[in-house]
């Protein structure tokens, strides 16, 4: 429940190559999996190579590798790991390529209006699941485990269980469904991009509702992130029940004598 409403009314490593031992961009780097190895490198040269090799828009390649469309392959992504307030929300999506919304992309690359349009279209054309971990759960089990929990709930919320899951990032939740983690997956995999939109739009709507319950914090603008405006509001108004006590700025404000 959120604000008295049901949520329904409101969703890698392992390649065996050590990039620190690669001194030049060889033909091997042209393979599609290369960006996964390059994006987290500390080398500016390799990061530039990654930016060139990453696709301009996500595609359906990873899904077909794992049996789509004959098998149901879902993408999973989250929104809200970093904010000081509000839940972490995950989305799961099984898309229909014959009914793919125009302009589907990583939610971070889209403006609010486009995300809202795509979410509406995805709800009509795809199987979308939403999973939420509350502020209380974040504080109790930590943000990483709460994110895994939200992802597990998102997968369980799909109308039909998928045969395989593609997870954005480098960690896989502990669920029974076979899965693969894909770094930068929201920019590379259409199903994960769809999940990222579902998660982002759902969480933004929750934060906008929170702003109406707690005016003065600017939740509708920064969505709970630690902006200067938000931090100043915290100093003046103090934390709400929606702030994450386990996050350092809030913890230090409530218990300044406790070591950081």
Foldseek 3Di string as FASTA:
>chain_A
DAPPDDLVVQAADDPPDDCVPDDDCDPVCLDLQNLQNQCPDPDPVSNVVSVVNQDPFADAVVVVVVPPPVFFEKEKEWPDLAFQFWKIKMKIKGFDVVQQDPPQAAPVVDDPVVLVVNLVSRVVGIFMFMFIQALVRCQVPNSVVRNLRRRVRRQVRTPDHGQEYEYEDHDHRPDDRHYDYGHVCRRHHRNNSNRNSVNVSSLLSSQVVVCVVPPQQPCNPPVRHDDPSNLVSCVVPNDDPRGRCNDVSNVCVVPVPDDD
